[in-house]
PDB file of all heavy atoms in Angstrom:
ATOM      1  N   VAL A   1      74.558 -27.300  45.647  1.00  0.00           N
ATOM      2  CA  VAL A   1      74.920 -27.132  47.047  1.00  0.00           C
ATOM      3  C   VAL A   1      73.691 -27.249  47.954  1.00  0.00           C
ATOM      4  O   VAL A   1      73.669 -27.969  48.970  1.00  0.00           O
ATOM      5  CB  VAL A   1      75.635 -25.783  47.307  1.00  0.00           C
ATOM      6  CG1 VAL A   1      75.814 -25.503  48.793  1.00  0.00           C
ATOM      7  CG2 VAL A   1      76.991 -25.779  46.615  1.00  0.00           C
ATOM      8  N   LEU A   2      72.606 -26.572  47.580  1.00  0.00           N
ATOM      9  CA  LEU A   2      71.387 -26.616  48.421  1.00  0.00           C
ATOM     10  C   LEU A   2      70.747 -27.986  48.365  1.00  0.00           C
ATOM     11  O   LEU A   2      70.255 -28.464  49.431  1.00  0.00           O
ATOM     12  CB  LEU A   2      70.399 -25.567  47.916  1.00  0.00           C
ATOM     13  CG  LEU A   2      70.779 -24.121  48.187  1.00  0.00           C
ATOM     14  CD1 LEU A   2      69.770 -23.151  47.554  1.00  0.00           C
ATOM     15  CD2 LEU A   2      70.934 -23.810  49.658  1.00  0.00           C
ATOM     16  N   ALA A   3      70.779 -28.646  47.238  1.00  0.00           N
ATOM     17  CA  ALA A   3      70.203 -30.005  47.169  1.00  0.00           C
ATOM     18  C   ALA A   3      70.976 -30.949  48.096  1.00  0.00           C
ATOM     19  O   ALA A   3      70.358 -31.784  48.797  1.00  0.00           O
ATOM     20  CB  ALA A   3      70.251 -30.501  45.720  1.00  0.00           C
ATOM     21  N   TYR A   4      72.289 -30.819  48.107  1.00  0.00           N
ATOM     22  CA  TYR A   4      73.063 -31.691  48.969  1.00  0.00           C
ATOM     23  C   TYR A   4      72.850 -31.328  50.438  1.00  0.00           C
ATOM     24  O   TYR A   4      72.877 -32.206  51.319  1.00  0.00           O
ATOM     25  CB  TYR A   4      74.534 -31.606  48.596  1.00  0.00           C
ATOM     26  CG  TYR A   4      75.382 -32.720  49.242  1.00  0.00           C
ATOM     27  CD1 TYR A   4      74.922 -34.048  49.292  1.00  0.00           C
ATOM     28  CD2 TYR A   4      76.620 -32.449  49.812  1.00  0.00           C
ATOM     29  CE1 TYR A   4      75.666 -35.044  49.888  1.00  0.00           C
ATOM     30  CE2 TYR A   4      77.375 -33.432  50.396  1.00  0.00           C
ATOM     31  CZ  TYR A   4      76.911 -34.721  50.425  1.00  0.00           C
ATOM     32  OH  TYR A   4      77.666 -35.732  51.040  1.00  0.00           O
ATOM     33  N   ALA A   5      72.693 -30.035  50.726  1.00  0.00           N
ATOM     34  CA  ALA A   5      72.426 -29.598  52.089  1.00  0.00           C
ATOM     35  C   ALA A   5      71.106 -30.232  52.589  1.00  0.00           C
ATOM     36  O   ALA A   5      71.005 -30.661  53.767  1.00  0.00           O
ATOM     37  CB  ALA A   5      72.315 -28.064  52.162  1.00  0.00           C
ATOM     38  N   LEU A   6      70.111 -30.364  51.746  1.00  0.00           N
ATOM     39  CA  LEU A   6      68.870 -31.009  52.124  1.00  0.00           C
ATOM     40  C   LEU A   6      69.057 -32.476  52.338  1.00  0.00           C
ATOM     41  O   LEU A   6      68.478 -33.049  53.283  1.00  0.00           O
ATOM     42  CB  LEU A   6      67.805 -30.752  51.028  1.00  0.00           C
ATOM     43  CG  LEU A   6      67.223 -29.324  50.978  1.00  0.00           C
ATOM     44  CD1 LEU A   6      66.471 -29.085  49.694  1.00  0.00           C
ATOM     45  CD2 LEU A   6      66.335 -29.055  52.191  1.00  0.00           C
ATOM     46  N   VAL A   7      69.882 -33.120  51.519  1.00  0.00           N
ATOM     47  CA  VAL A   7      70.177 -34.551  51.752  1.00  0.00           C
ATOM     48  C   VAL A   7      70.828 -34.735  53.088  1.00  0.00           C
ATOM     49  O   VAL A   7      70.481 -35.648  53.871  1.00  0.00           O
ATOM     50  CB  VAL A   7      71.089 -35.082  50.613  1.00  0.00           C
ATOM     51  CG1 VAL A   7      71.604 -36.475  50.938  1.00  0.00           C
ATOM     52  CG2 VAL A   7      70.324 -35.125  49.276  1.00  0.00           C
ATOM     53  N   LEU A   8      71.849 -33.902  53.399  1.00  0.00           N
ATOM     54  CA  LEU A   8      72.532 -34.032  54.668  1.00  0.00           C
ATOM     55  C   LEU A   8      71.578 -33.778  55.838  1.00  0.00           C
ATOM     56  O   LEU A   8      71.673 -34.452  56.874  1.00  0.00           O
ATOM     57  CB  LEU A   8      73.688 -33.048  54.725  1.00  0.00           C
ATOM     58  CG  LEU A   8      74.843 -33.283  53.740  1.00  0.00           C
ATOM     59  CD1 LEU A   8      75.855 -32.172  53.847  1.00  0.00           C
ATOM     60  CD2 LEU A   8      75.477 -34.627  53.991  1.00  0.00           C
ATOM     61  N   ALA A   9      70.658 -32.826  55.677  1.00  0.00           N
ATOM     62  CA  ALA A   9      69.704 -32.539  56.729  1.00  0.00           C
ATOM     63  C   ALA A   9      68.802 -33.739  56.996  1.00  0.00           C
ATOM     64  O   ALA A   9      68.518 -34.093  58.137  1.00  0.00           O
ATOM     65  CB  ALA A   9      68.844 -31.315  56.365  1.00  0.00           C
ATOM     66  N   ASP A  10      68.380 -34.406  55.902  1.00  0.00           N
ATOM     67  CA  ASP A  10      67.546 -35.614  56.058  1.00  0.00           C
ATOM     68  C   ASP A  10      68.310 -36.709  56.802  1.00  0.00           C
ATOM     69  O   ASP A  10      67.751 -37.424  57.633  1.00  0.00           O
ATOM     70  CB  ASP A  10      67.097 -36.099  54.677  1.00  0.00           C
ATOM     71  CG  ASP A  10      66.000 -35.249  54.081  1.00  0.00           C
ATOM     72  OD1 ASP A  10      65.350 -34.505  54.831  1.00  0.00           O
ATOM     73  OD2 ASP A  10      65.783 -35.338  52.868  1.00  0.00           O
ATOM     74  N   GLU A  11      69.590 -36.819  56.490  1.00  0.00           N
ATOM     75  CA  GLU A  11      70.390 -37.857  57.114  1.00  0.00           C
ATOM     76  C   GLU A  11      70.593 -37.601  58.601  1.00  0.00           C
ATOM     77  O   GLU A  11      70.678 -38.532  59.399  1.00  0.00           O
ATOM     78  CB  GLU A  11      71.756 -37.954  56.415  1.00  0.00           C
ATOM     79  CG  GLU A  11      71.705 -38.529  55.014  1.00  0.00           C
ATOM     80  CD  GLU A  11      73.040 -38.547  54.301  1.00  0.00           C
ATOM     81  OE1 GLU A  11      74.007 -37.954  54.872  1.00  0.00           O
ATOM     82  OE2 GLU A  11      73.135 -39.079  53.189  1.00  0.00           O
ATOM     83  N   GLU A  12      70.627 -36.317  58.947  1.00  0.00           N
ATOM     84  CA  GLU A  12      70.825 -35.935  60.340  1.00  0.00           C
ATOM     85  C   GLU A  12      69.565 -36.107  61.177  1.00  0.00           C
ATOM     86  O   GLU A  12      69.592 -36.086  62.409  1.00  0.00           O
ATOM     87  CB  GLU A  12      71.344 -34.499  60.443  1.00  0.00           C
ATOM     88  CG  GLU A  12      72.740 -34.336  59.914  1.00  0.00           C
ATOM     89  CD  GLU A  12      73.152 -32.894  59.746  1.00  0.00           C
ATOM     90  OE1 GLU A  12      72.316 -32.009  60.134  1.00  0.00           O
ATOM     91  OE2 GLU A  12      74.234 -32.606  59.249  1.00  0.00           O
ATOM     92  N   GLY A  13      68.411 -36.248  60.500  1.00  0.00           N
ATOM     93  CA  GLY A  13      67.176 -36.478  61.219  1.00  0.00           C
ATOM     94  C   GLY A  13      66.419 -35.209  61.541  1.00  0.00           C
ATOM     95  O   GLY A  13      66.396 -34.277  60.744  1.00  0.00           O
ATOM     96  N   ASP A  14      65.818 -35.122  62.687  1.00  0.00           N
ATOM     97  CA  ASP A  14      64.903 -34.040  63.097  1.00  0.00           C
ATOM     98  C   ASP A  14      65.621 -32.699  62.952  1.00  0.00           C
ATOM     99  O   ASP A  14      66.657 -32.439  63.547  1.00  0.00           O
ATOM    100  CB  ASP A  14      64.474 -34.226  64.525  1.00  0.00           C
ATOM    101  CG  ASP A  14      63.506 -33.160  65.002  1.00  0.00           C
ATOM    102  OD1 ASP A  14      62.888 -32.480  64.146  1.00  0.00           O
ATOM    103  OD2 ASP A  14      63.361 -32.969  66.236  1.00  0.00           O
ATOM    104  N   GLN A  15      65.017 -31.816  62.131  1.00  0.00           N
ATOM    105  CA  GLN A  15      65.558 -30.476  61.937  1.00  0.00           C
ATOM    106  C   GLN A  15      64.670 -29.416  62.574  1.00  0.00           C
ATOM    107  O   GLN A  15      64.667 -28.244  62.148  1.00  0.00           O
ATOM    108  CB  GLN A  15      65.726 -30.184  60.443  1.00  0.00           C
ATOM    109  CG  GLN A  15      66.805 -31.047  59.785  1.00  0.00           C
ATOM    110  CD  GLN A  15      68.183 -30.722  60.304  1.00  0.00           C
ATOM    111  OE1 GLN A  15      68.643 -29.596  60.227  1.00  0.00           O
ATOM    112  NE2 GLN A  15      68.844 -31.721  60.854  1.00  0.00           N
ATOM    113  N   THR A  16      63.892 -29.769  63.604  1.00  0.00           N
ATOM    114  CA  THR A  16      63.053 -28.817  64.277  1.00  0.00           C
ATOM    115  C   THR A  16      63.902 -27.693  64.827  1.00  0.00           C
ATOM    116  O   THR A  16      64.938 -27.913  65.467  1.00  0.00           O
ATOM    117  CB  THR A  16      62.310 -29.496  65.448  1.00  0.00           C
ATOM    118  OG1 THR A  16      61.501 -30.570  64.926  1.00  0.00           O
ATOM    119  CG2 THR A  16      61.430 -28.485  66.166  1.00  0.00           C
ATOM    120  N   GLY A  17      63.470 -26.451  64.551  1.00  0.00           N
ATOM    121  CA  GLY A  17      64.250 -25.338  65.028  1.00  0.00           C
ATOM    122  C   GLY A  17      65.377 -24.908  64.099  1.00  0.00           C
ATOM    123  O   GLY A  17      66.243 -24.132  64.465  1.00  0.00           O
ATOM    124  N   SER A  18      65.346 -25.426  62.868  1.00  0.00           N
ATOM    125  CA  SER A  18      66.345 -25.098  61.876  1.00  0.00           C
ATOM    126  C   SER A  18      65.786 -24.007  60.928  1.00  0.00           C
ATOM    127  O   SER A  18      64.759 -24.212  60.316  1.00  0.00           O
ATOM    128  CB  SER A  18      66.755 -26.342  61.056  1.00  0.00           C
ATOM    129  OG  SER A  18      67.379 -25.968  59.848  1.00  0.00           O
ATOM    130  N   ALA A  19      66.497 -22.886  60.822  1.00  0.00           N
ATOM    131  CA  ALA A  19      66.088 -21.834  59.916  1.00  0.00           C
ATOM    132  C   ALA A  19      66.153 -22.332  58.456  1.00  0.00           C
ATOM    133  O   ALA A  19      65.286 -22.024  57.643  1.00  0.00           O
ATOM    134  CB  ALA A  19      66.948 -20.613  60.115  1.00  0.00           C
ATOM    135  N   PHE A  20      67.203 -23.082  58.175  1.00  0.00           N
ATOM    136  CA  PHE A  20      67.371 -23.609  56.819  1.00  0.00           C
ATOM    137  C   PHE A  20      66.205 -24.553  56.433  1.00  0.00           C
ATOM    138  O   PHE A  20      65.620 -24.426  55.365  1.00  0.00           O
ATOM    139  CB  PHE A  20      68.681 -24.335  56.681  1.00  0.00           C
ATOM    140  CG  PHE A  20      68.926 -24.983  55.366  1.00  0.00           C
ATOM    141  CD1 PHE A  20      69.168 -24.193  54.231  1.00  0.00           C
ATOM    142  CD2 PHE A  20      68.880 -26.360  55.206  1.00  0.00           C
ATOM    143  CE1 PHE A  20      69.392 -24.786  52.976  1.00  0.00           C
ATOM    144  CE2 PHE A  20      69.108 -26.956  53.955  1.00  0.00           C
ATOM    145  CZ  PHE A  20      69.334 -26.161  52.836  1.00  0.00           C
ATOM    146  N   ALA A  21      65.886 -25.477  57.300  1.00  0.00           N
ATOM    147  CA  ALA A  21      64.797 -26.402  57.058  1.00  0.00           C
ATOM    148  C   ALA A  21      63.453 -25.657  56.902  1.00  0.00           C
ATOM    149  O   ALA A  21      62.569 -26.120  56.141  1.00  0.00           O
ATOM    150  CB  ALA A  21      64.702 -27.446  58.137  1.00  0.00           C
ATOM    151  N   ALA A  22      63.305 -24.538  57.588  1.00  0.00           N
ATOM    152  CA  ALA A  22      62.059 -23.787  57.523  1.00  0.00           C
ATOM    153  C   ALA A  22      61.854 -23.129  56.142  1.00  0.00           C
ATOM    154  O   ALA A  22      60.713 -22.924  55.718  1.00  0.00           O
ATOM    155  CB  ALA A  22      62.005 -22.720  58.582  1.00  0.00           C
ATOM    156  N   LEU A  23      62.974 -22.810  55.439  1.00  0.00           N
ATOM    157  CA  LEU A  23      62.842 -22.054  54.171  1.00  0.00           C
ATOM    158  C   LEU A  23      63.380 -22.754  52.961  1.00  0.00           C
ATOM    159  O   LEU A  23      63.314 -22.203  51.864  1.00  0.00           O
ATOM    160  CB  LEU A  23      63.609 -20.724  54.374  1.00  0.00           C
ATOM    161  CG  LEU A  23      62.972 -19.787  55.438  1.00  0.00           C
ATOM    162  CD1 LEU A  23      63.825 -18.550  55.593  1.00  0.00           C
ATOM    163  CD2 LEU A  23      61.532 -19.444  55.073  1.00  0.00           C
ATOM    164  N   ALA A  24      63.950 -23.912  53.109  1.00  0.00           N
ATOM    165  CA  ALA A  24      64.497 -24.665  51.973  1.00  0.00           C
ATOM    166  C   ALA A  24      63.607 -25.820  51.583  1.00  0.00           C
ATOM    167  O   ALA A  24      63.029 -26.461  52.473  1.00  0.00           O
ATOM    168  CB  ALA A  24      65.892 -25.129  52.260  1.00  0.00           C
ATOM    169  N   PRO A  25      63.537 -26.198  50.318  1.00  0.00           N
ATOM    170  CA  PRO A  25      64.163 -25.465  49.189  1.00  0.00           C
ATOM    171  C   PRO A  25      63.361 -24.221  48.850  1.00  0.00           C
ATOM    172  O   PRO A  25      62.154 -24.167  49.114  1.00  0.00           O
ATOM    173  CB  PRO A  25      64.099 -26.500  48.052  1.00  0.00           C
ATOM    174  CG  PRO A  25      62.851 -27.283  48.376  1.00  0.00           C
ATOM    175  CD  PRO A  25      62.824 -27.405  49.855  1.00  0.00           C
ATOM    176  N   PRO A  26      63.992 -23.220  48.267  1.00  0.00           N
ATOM    177  CA  PRO A  26      63.283 -21.981  47.951  1.00  0.00           C
ATOM    178  C   PRO A  26      62.225 -22.257  46.870  1.00  0.00           C
ATOM    179  O   PRO A  26      62.408 -23.124  45.989  1.00  0.00           O
ATOM    180  CB  PRO A  26      64.355 -21.048  47.405  1.00  0.00           C
ATOM    181  CG  PRO A  26      65.474 -21.924  46.995  1.00  0.00           C
ATOM    182  CD  PRO A  26      65.425 -23.134  47.900  1.00  0.00           C
ATOM    183  N   TYR A  27      61.122 -21.539  46.946  1.00  0.00           N
ATOM    184  CA  TYR A  27      60.045 -21.698  45.951  1.00  0.00           C
ATOM    185  C   TYR A  27      60.507 -21.087  44.602  1.00  0.00           C
ATOM    186  O   TYR A  27      60.832 -19.918  44.542  1.00  0.00           O
ATOM    187  CB  TYR A  27      58.791 -21.022  46.445  1.00  0.00           C
ATOM    188  CG  TYR A  27      57.633 -21.054  45.478  1.00  0.00           C
ATOM    189  CD1 TYR A  27      57.147 -22.271  44.985  1.00  0.00           C
ATOM    190  CD2 TYR A  27      56.992 -19.899  45.058  1.00  0.00           C
ATOM    191  CE1 TYR A  27      56.087 -22.331  44.097  1.00  0.00           C
ATOM    192  CE2 TYR A  27      55.939 -19.941  44.168  1.00  0.00           C
ATOM    193  CZ  TYR A  27      55.466 -21.158  43.701  1.00  0.00           C
ATOM    194  OH  TYR A  27      54.399 -21.206  42.826  1.00  0.00           O
ATOM    195  N   GLU A  28      60.474 -21.931  43.556  1.00  0.00           N
ATOM    196  CA  GLU A  28      60.951 -21.523  42.254  1.00  0.00           C
ATOM    197  C   GLU A  28      59.953 -21.967  41.173  1.00  0.00           C
ATOM    198  O   GLU A  28      60.149 -22.979  40.520  1.00  0.00           O
ATOM    199  CB  GLU A  28      62.342 -22.106  41.987  1.00  0.00           C
ATOM    200  CG  GLU A  28      63.367 -21.648  43.001  1.00  0.00           C
ATOM    201  CD  GLU A  28      64.711 -22.325  42.875  1.00  0.00           C
ATOM    202  OE1 GLU A  28      64.794 -23.325  42.100  1.00  0.00           O
ATOM    203  OE2 GLU A  28      65.681 -21.883  43.495  1.00  0.00           O
ATOM    204  N   PRO A  29      58.878 -21.219  41.035  1.00  0.00           N
ATOM    205  CA  PRO A  29      57.876 -21.606  40.015  1.00  0.00           C
ATOM    206  C   PRO A  29      58.476 -21.532  38.607  1.00  0.00           C
ATOM    207  O   PRO A  29      59.473 -20.847  38.351  1.00  0.00           O
ATOM    208  CB  PRO A  29      56.761 -20.569  40.182  1.00  0.00           C
ATOM    209  CG  PRO A  29      57.426 -19.412  40.820  1.00  0.00           C
ATOM    210  CD  PRO A  29      58.523 -19.969  41.702  1.00  0.00           C
ATOM    211  N   ASP A  30      57.874 -22.275  37.668  1.00  0.00           N
ATOM    212  CA  ASP A  30      58.321 -22.257  36.289  1.00  0.00           C
ATOM    213  C   ASP A  30      58.426 -20.824  35.781  1.00  0.00           C
ATOM    214  O   ASP A  30      57.540 -19.996  36.010  1.00  0.00           O
ATOM    215  CB  ASP A  30      57.362 -23.046  35.403  1.00  0.00           C
ATOM    216  CG  ASP A  30      57.414 -24.563  35.679  1.00  0.00           C
ATOM    217  OD1 ASP A  30      58.389 -25.005  36.352  1.00  0.00           O
ATOM    218  OD2 ASP A  30      56.484 -25.254  35.256  1.00  0.00           O
TER     219      ASP A  30
END
């Protein structure tokens, strides 16, 4: 779901001022 949300955000263009864009994808170290 999150991966697709990022794809959709890229398609929509500028995400300045988006809380989701500010924090996604979450940091997930090995």
